[in-house]
């Protein structure tokens, strides 16, 4: 196929899905479906009320990878393909994701989202929270039109999203392992929605129950791998390339994978340089990180310790788990794209 034929699709695809461009017919179908999903998404967020229209469409118009709707579209193609129900489900998955971003940014006091001021910075906390609520309400209404099964999947997913945020907010209980708690949180906050996106595509695409189960498992593992990589990138990313200050999670006191492994090293490693370096790094991490200099020292200490490489290994193990979950699917361009994407979510720098 010609380069120009691939361009309309590849401009829409995150890294890992460019393998679709090898199949012109499939690439065209995906591109057309995503264009319609985008129209449905923005149309569903529109309102005659000027404030609601501006705030509800704000993050959607700011961009985003659209991974969740893309997965819904792709997994349907392992069955009968894309129809109006698949496109509707895909739009709802992105709406649900967007709503959580409004809420998360308020809770985290995040100044920026997708290269623009976060919604609460523009309209205040109350409007941002209520906008997220409104988007969720519209998403639920749209999903209800797809039937009881779809509404149940949406409700179960939203419950997991809320539980994940709640557990992250309160932290692990005294008797709970911090690492297990962390994995449960990211499974609920990130894995659940990616899993639902894959499941809904397969469901409305008419896939068998066994195929649908494989794809749901794939989505969950990919979501976890994606978040694990995000947490490592938080301390390893080049600030000039990413536009982010490394160590945002450290400054906010969020114990992500590298810090959890660092604490484990300091607690269990035998005496020696490795343990001493872990203890010294933790002293920096647990100190006052309000200044950029202190934050930079803490980030450098964590990055220099072997736990950072171990964290990448954990992320890759979840990507491999995702790939293994769909090993039983027949060979196809869609399967190849899903396999490539599982690797791509942890082989990125932003």
Protein backbone atom coordinates (compact mmCIF):
# COMPACT_ATOMS: atom_id res chain seq x y z
CA UNK A 1 0.00 0.00 0.00
CA UNK A 2 1.12 3.58 -0.52
CA UNK A 3 2.33 5.84 2.25
CA UNK A 4 -0.58 8.21 1.73
CA UNK A 5 -3.06 5.36 2.26
CA UNK A 6 -1.59 4.66 5.68
CA UNK A 7 -1.41 8.28 6.82
CA UNK A 8 -5.10 8.79 7.79
CA UNK A 9 -4.90 5.79 10.09
CA UNK A 10 -1.45 6.18 11.59
CA UNK A 11 -2.22 9.73 12.67
CA UNK A 12 -4.93 8.26 14.91
CA UNK A 13 -3.04 5.31 16.32
CA UNK A 14 -0.84 5.20 19.40
CA UNK A 15 2.45 3.36 19.17
CA UNK A 16 2.05 -0.37 18.68
CA UNK A 17 -1.00 -0.25 16.44
CA UNK A 18 0.81 0.91 13.29
CA UNK A 19 0.97 -2.75 12.22
CA UNK A 20 -2.65 -2.27 11.13
CA UNK A 21 -1.41 -0.15 8.24
CA UNK A 22 -0.18 -3.37 6.62
CA UNK A 23 -3.82 -4.27 5.89
CA UNK A 24 -5.39 -1.51 3.79
CA UNK A 25 -8.98 -2.71 4.09
CA UNK A 26 -8.75 -3.14 7.85
CA UNK A 27 -6.87 0.14 8.27
CA UNK A 28 -9.56 1.99 6.38
CA UNK A 29 -12.34 0.39 8.40
CA UNK A 30 -10.63 1.25 11.69
CA UNK A 31 -9.98 4.83 10.59
CA UNK A 32 -13.58 5.32 9.50
CA UNK A 33 -14.91 3.80 12.72
CA UNK A 34 -12.71 6.00 14.89
CA UNK A 35 -13.80 9.09 12.99
CA UNK A 36 -17.44 8.24 13.71
CA UNK A 37 -16.66 7.45 17.35
CA UNK A 38 -15.00 10.85 17.70
CA UNK A 39 -18.08 12.54 16.25
CA UNK A 40 -20.31 10.58 18.65
CA UNK A 41 -18.04 11.46 21.56
CA UNK A 42 -18.04 15.21 20.95
CA UNK A 43 -21.74 15.18 20.10
CA UNK A 44 -22.59 13.36 23.32
CA UNK A 45 -20.64 15.94 25.32
CA UNK A 46 -22.25 18.94 23.63
CA UNK A 47 -24.82 21.10 25.39
CA UNK A 48 -26.91 24.17 24.68
CA UNK A 49 -25.68 25.55 27.99
CA UNK A 50 -22.54 27.55 27.21
CA UNK A 51 -20.66 26.68 30.41
CA UNK A 52 -21.54 22.98 30.26
CA UNK A 53 -20.64 22.79 26.58
CA UNK A 54 -17.22 24.36 27.17
CA UNK A 55 -16.32 22.39 30.29
CA UNK A 56 -17.63 18.98 29.17
CA UNK A 57 -15.87 19.10 25.79
CA UNK A 58 -12.69 20.65 27.20
CA UNK A 59 -10.56 17.55 27.79
CA UNK A 60 -11.94 15.66 24.80
CA UNK A 61 -10.90 18.49 22.50
CA UNK A 62 -7.47 18.65 24.18
CA UNK A 63 -6.57 15.32 22.58
CA UNK A 64 -5.62 11.95 24.03
CA UNK A 65 -4.59 8.56 22.68
CA UNK A 66 -8.15 7.15 22.51
CA UNK A 67 -6.77 3.72 23.42
CA UNK A 68 -10.02 2.52 24.98
CA UNK A 69 -12.32 3.22 22.03
CA UNK A 70 -9.67 1.85 19.70
CA UNK A 71 -9.63 -1.42 21.61
CA UNK A 72 -13.42 -1.60 21.47
CA UNK A 73 -13.33 -1.15 17.71
CA UNK A 74 -10.50 -3.64 17.21
CA UNK A 75 -11.84 -6.42 19.40
CA UNK A 76 -15.17 -6.26 17.57
CA UNK A 77 -13.24 -7.05 14.39
CA UNK A 78 -12.35 -10.44 15.80
CA UNK A 79 -16.06 -11.16 15.39
CA UNK A 80 -18.61 -9.57 13.08
CA UNK A 81 -16.95 -6.14 13.07
CA UNK A 82 -18.01 -2.59 13.83
CA UNK A 83 -21.63 -1.50 13.96
CA UNK A 84 -23.50 1.33 15.68
CA UNK A 85 -23.49 -0.52 19.01
CA UNK A 86 -19.72 -0.97 18.93
CA UNK A 87 -19.21 2.71 18.14
CA UNK A 88 -21.59 3.73 20.93
CA UNK A 89 -19.78 1.51 23.43
CA UNK A 90 -16.44 2.91 22.28
CA UNK A 91 -17.61 6.47 22.86
CA UNK A 92 -18.93 5.57 26.30
CA UNK A 93 -15.59 4.05 27.29
CA UNK A 94 -13.79 7.27 26.40
CA UNK A 95 -16.43 9.38 28.16
CA UNK A 96 -15.98 7.33 31.32
CA UNK A 97 -12.22 7.77 31.11
CA UNK A 98 -12.57 11.52 30.58
CA UNK A 99 -14.87 11.86 33.58
CA UNK A 100 -12.30 10.23 35.86
CA UNK A 101 -9.67 12.70 34.66
CA UNK A 102 -11.77 15.66 35.81
CA UNK A 103 -12.10 14.06 39.24
CA UNK A 104 -8.49 12.88 39.49
CA UNK A 105 -7.08 16.30 38.65
CA UNK A 106 -9.09 17.90 41.44
CA UNK A 107 -7.98 15.29 43.95
CA UNK A 108 -4.35 15.56 42.86
CA UNK A 109 -4.39 19.35 42.43
CA UNK A 110 -2.89 18.72 39.00
CA UNK A 111 -2.04 21.97 37.21
CA UNK A 112 -1.93 20.57 33.67
CA UNK A 113 -3.73 17.89 31.67
CA UNK A 114 -2.90 17.06 28.05
CA UNK A 115 -0.74 20.13 27.68
CA UNK A 116 -3.46 22.55 28.81
CA UNK A 117 -4.50 23.90 32.23
CA UNK A 118 -6.54 21.29 34.09
CA UNK A 119 -10.29 21.94 34.11
CA UNK A 120 -10.32 22.91 37.79
CA UNK A 121 -7.71 25.54 37.05
CA UNK A 122 -10.06 27.09 34.48
CA UNK A 123 -13.45 26.79 36.19
CA UNK A 124 -12.68 25.81 39.80
CA UNK A 125 -13.02 22.55 41.70
CA UNK A 126 -16.81 22.48 41.96
CA UNK A 127 -17.43 22.93 38.24
CA UNK A 128 -14.74 20.35 37.38
CA UNK A 129 -16.25 17.76 39.74
CA UNK A 130 -19.78 18.40 38.52
CA UNK A 131 -18.61 18.22 34.91
CA UNK A 132 -17.13 14.79 35.60
CA UNK A 133 -20.42 13.74 37.19
CA UNK A 134 -22.37 15.02 34.20
CA UNK A 135 -20.19 13.12 31.75
CA UNK A 136 -20.65 9.93 33.76
CA UNK A 137 -24.41 10.46 33.79
CA UNK A 138 -24.50 10.85 30.02
CA UNK A 139 -22.24 7.84 29.55
CA UNK A 140 -24.57 5.73 31.71
CA UNK A 141 -27.63 6.88 29.76
CA UNK A 142 -26.00 6.03 26.45
CA UNK A 143 -24.93 2.63 27.72
CA UNK A 144 -28.41 1.85 29.01
CA UNK A 145 -29.65 2.13 25.43
CA UNK A 146 -27.38 -0.80 24.57
CA UNK A 147 -29.13 -3.17 26.94
CA UNK A 148 -28.95 -4.63 30.41
CA UNK A 149 -25.69 -6.52 29.86
CA UNK A 150 -23.90 -3.40 28.69
CA UNK A 151 -25.24 -1.36 31.61
CA UNK A 152 -24.08 -4.04 34.03
CA UNK A 153 -20.55 -3.99 32.58
CA UNK A 154 -20.50 -0.19 32.83
CA UNK A 155 -21.73 -0.23 36.43
CA UNK A 156 -19.26 -2.92 37.51
CA UNK A 157 -16.42 -1.03 35.87
CA UNK A 158 -17.38 2.28 37.46
CA UNK A 159 -17.57 0.59 40.87
CA UNK A 160 -14.02 -0.70 40.41
CA UNK A 161 -12.82 2.75 39.33
CA UNK A 162 -14.26 4.33 42.47
CA UNK A 163 -12.98 1.57 44.74
CA UNK A 164 -9.51 1.90 43.23
CA UNK A 165 -9.46 5.64 43.88
CA UNK A 166 -10.79 5.11 47.41
CA UNK A 167 -8.16 2.50 48.25
CA UNK A 168 -5.41 4.69 46.80
CA UNK A 169 -6.62 7.63 48.88
CA UNK A 170 -6.73 5.80 52.21
CA UNK A 171 -3.66 3.63 51.55
CA UNK A 172 -3.02 0.03 52.62
CA UNK A 173 -4.33 -1.23 55.94
CA UNK A 174 -1.83 -2.18 58.64
CA UNK A 175 -2.16 -5.89 57.89
CA UNK A 176 -2.13 -5.40 54.09
CA UNK A 177 0.94 -5.85 51.92
CA UNK A 178 1.74 -2.49 50.30
CA UNK A 179 2.77 -4.05 46.99
CA UNK A 180 -0.41 -6.13 46.72
CA UNK A 181 -2.44 -3.03 47.59
CA UNK A 182 -0.69 -1.05 44.87
CA UNK A 183 -1.40 -3.67 42.19
CA UNK A 184 -5.04 -3.85 43.24
CA UNK A 185 -5.37 -0.08 42.99
CA UNK A 186 -3.96 0.17 39.48
CA UNK A 187 -5.94 -2.87 38.39
CA UNK A 188 -9.13 -1.13 39.53
CA UNK A 189 -8.22 2.39 38.39
CA UNK A 190 -6.66 1.58 35.01
CA UNK A 191 -7.01 -2.11 34.20
CA UNK A 192 -10.76 -2.25 34.71
CA UNK A 193 -11.70 0.30 32.06
CA UNK A 194 -9.29 -1.06 29.45
CA UNK A 195 -10.67 -4.54 30.15
CA UNK A 196 -14.24 -3.27 29.76
CA UNK A 197 -13.38 -1.61 26.46
CA UNK A 198 -12.00 -4.85 25.07
CA UNK A 199 -14.89 -6.88 26.46
CA UNK A 200 -17.59 -4.63 25.02
CA UNK A 201 -16.07 -4.70 21.57
CA UNK A 202 -15.96 -8.48 21.61
CA UNK A 203 -19.49 -8.67 23.06
CA UNK A 204 -21.11 -6.45 20.44
CA UNK A 205 -18.90 -7.93 17.73
CA UNK A 206 -20.52 -11.29 18.39
CA UNK A 207 -17.36 -13.05 19.59
CA UNK A 208 -17.66 -16.31 21.48
CA UNK A 209 -17.65 -16.27 25.27
CA UNK A 210 -14.17 -17.79 25.34
CA UNK A 211 -12.78 -15.14 22.98
CA UNK A 212 -14.48 -12.37 24.95
CA UNK A 213 -12.95 -13.70 28.17
CA UNK A 214 -9.47 -13.77 26.58
CA UNK A 215 -9.81 -10.19 25.42
CA UNK A 216 -11.07 -8.98 28.77
CA UNK A 217 -8.08 -10.60 30.46
CA UNK A 218 -5.83 -9.01 27.85
CA UNK A 219 -7.29 -5.57 28.52
CA UNK A 220 -6.84 -5.87 32.27
CA UNK A 221 -3.18 -6.87 31.93
CA UNK A 222 -2.44 -4.19 29.33
CA UNK A 223 -4.00 -1.58 31.58
CA UNK A 224 -1.83 -2.63 34.50
CA UNK A 225 1.29 -2.72 32.31
CA UNK A 226 0.46 0.76 30.99
CA UNK A 227 0.15 2.20 34.50
CA UNK A 228 3.27 0.45 35.76
CA UNK A 229 5.20 1.98 32.89
CA UNK A 230 3.67 5.38 33.63
CA UNK A 231 4.87 5.17 37.20
CA UNK A 232 8.44 4.41 36.13
CA UNK A 233 8.34 7.08 33.43
CA UNK A 234 7.39 9.56 36.16
CA UNK A 235 10.98 9.41 37.41
CA UNK A 236 12.87 8.53 34.22
CA UNK A 237 11.31 10.76 31.57
CA UNK A 238 13.31 13.48 29.87
CA UNK A 239 11.61 16.71 31.01
CA UNK A 240 12.36 18.45 27.71
CA UNK A 241 10.75 15.68 25.70
CA UNK A 242 7.81 14.95 28.03
CA UNK A 243 7.12 18.46 29.27
CA UNK A 244 6.80 17.06 32.79
CA UNK A 245 8.96 17.50 35.86
CA UNK A 246 10.33 14.06 36.88
CA UNK A 247 9.20 12.92 40.30
CA UNK A 248 5.66 14.28 40.41
CA UNK A 249 4.50 11.15 42.25
CA UNK A 250 7.38 11.43 44.71
CA UNK A 251 6.50 15.02 45.50
CA UNK A 252 2.86 14.08 46.07
CA UNK A 253 3.87 11.25 48.39
CA UNK A 254 2.46 8.54 46.11
CA UNK A 255 4.23 5.23 46.65
CA UNK A 256 4.51 3.82 43.15
CA UNK A 257 6.38 0.69 42.12
CA UNK A 258 9.99 2.00 42.26
CA UNK A 259 9.49 3.38 45.78
CA UNK A 260 7.71 0.24 46.97
CA UNK A 261 10.60 -1.90 45.72
CA UNK A 262 13.04 0.53 47.29
CA UNK A 263 11.35 0.15 50.67
CA UNK A 264 11.41 -3.60 50.22
CA UNK A 265 15.15 -3.49 49.51
CA UNK A 266 15.85 -1.35 52.54
CA UNK A 267 13.86 -3.72 54.72
CA UNK A 268 14.97 -7.13 53.44
CA UNK A 269 18.27 -6.82 51.57
CA UNK A 270 21.39 -8.12 53.26
CA UNK A 271 23.77 -5.51 54.60
CA UNK A 272 25.95 -3.95 51.90
CA UNK A 273 26.12 -1.21 49.33
CA UNK A 274 22.76 -2.06 47.73
CA UNK A 275 20.91 -1.80 51.02
CA UNK A 276 22.82 1.31 52.10
CA UNK A 277 21.94 3.02 48.83
CA UNK A 278 18.28 2.06 49.27
CA UNK A 279 18.22 3.53 52.79
CA UNK A 280 19.92 6.72 51.61
CA UNK A 281 17.53 7.06 48.68
CA UNK A 282 14.54 6.61 50.97
CA UNK A 283 15.82 9.34 53.26
CA UNK A 284 15.71 11.68 50.27
CA UNK A 285 12.31 10.40 49.09
CA UNK A 286 10.77 10.78 52.55
CA UNK A 287 12.27 14.23 53.09
CA UNK A 288 10.96 17.65 52.18
CA UNK A 289 10.58 17.66 48.39
CA UNK A 290 9.06 21.10 48.05
CA UNK A 291 12.15 22.50 46.35
CA UNK A 292 13.11 21.44 42.82
CA UNK A 293 16.64 20.73 44.00
CA UNK A 294 15.51 18.29 46.70
CA UNK A 295 13.15 16.59 44.27
CA UNK A 296 15.91 16.22 41.67
CA UNK A 297 18.22 14.61 44.24
CA UNK A 298 15.51 12.14 45.28
CA UNK A 299 14.70 11.26 41.67
CA UNK A 300 18.38 10.73 40.84
CA UNK A 301 18.83 8.44 43.84
CA UNK A 302 15.86 6.25 42.89
CA UNK A 303 16.82 6.10 39.21
CA UNK A 304 20.40 5.11 40.08
CA UNK A 305 19.23 2.19 42.24
CA UNK A 306 18.56 -1.25 40.66
CA UNK A 307 14.87 -1.01 41.70
CA UNK A 308 14.20 1.17 38.66
CA UNK A 309 15.34 -1.56 36.28
CA UNK A 310 13.39 -4.09 38.36
CA UNK A 311 10.31 -1.92 37.94
CA UNK A 312 10.68 -2.04 34.17
CA UNK A 313 10.94 -5.82 34.41
CA UNK A 314 7.67 -5.97 36.34
CA UNK A 315 5.96 -3.80 33.71
CA UNK A 316 7.26 -6.06 30.93
CA UNK A 317 6.00 -9.12 32.80
CA UNK A 318 2.47 -7.70 32.72
CA UNK A 319 2.80 -6.97 29.01
CA UNK A 320 3.85 -10.57 28.51
CA UNK A 321 0.86 -11.70 30.58
CA UNK A 322 -1.39 -9.71 28.25
CA UNK A 323 0.15 -11.34 25.20
CA UNK A 324 -0.17 -14.82 26.67
CA UNK A 325 -3.85 -14.23 27.42
CA UNK A 326 -4.65 -14.02 23.68
CA UNK A 327 -2.21 -16.68 22.51
CA UNK A 328 -5.15 -18.93 21.70
CA UNK A 329 -6.68 -16.52 19.18
CA UNK A 330 -6.29 -17.37 15.47
CA UNK A 331 -3.56 -15.43 13.69
CA UNK A 332 -4.78 -12.15 12.16
CA UNK A 333 -3.75 -8.55 11.68
CA UNK A 334 -5.88 -7.57 14.66
CA UNK A 335 -4.17 -10.10 16.89
CA UNK A 336 -0.77 -8.89 15.69
CA UNK A 337 -1.76 -5.32 16.52
CA UNK A 338 -2.87 -6.32 20.02
CA UNK A 339 0.39 -8.19 20.60
CA UNK A 340 2.43 -5.22 19.38
CA UNK A 341 0.50 -2.82 21.54
CA UNK A 342 1.14 -4.88 24.68
CA UNK A 343 4.86 -4.35 24.08
CA UNK A 344 4.46 -0.72 23.10
CA UNK A 345 2.78 0.34 26.34
CA UNK A 346 6.02 -0.38 28.21
CA UNK A 347 8.45 0.57 25.48
CA UNK A 348 7.73 4.28 25.45
CA UNK A 349 9.14 7.43 26.97
CA UNK A 350 5.95 9.33 27.66
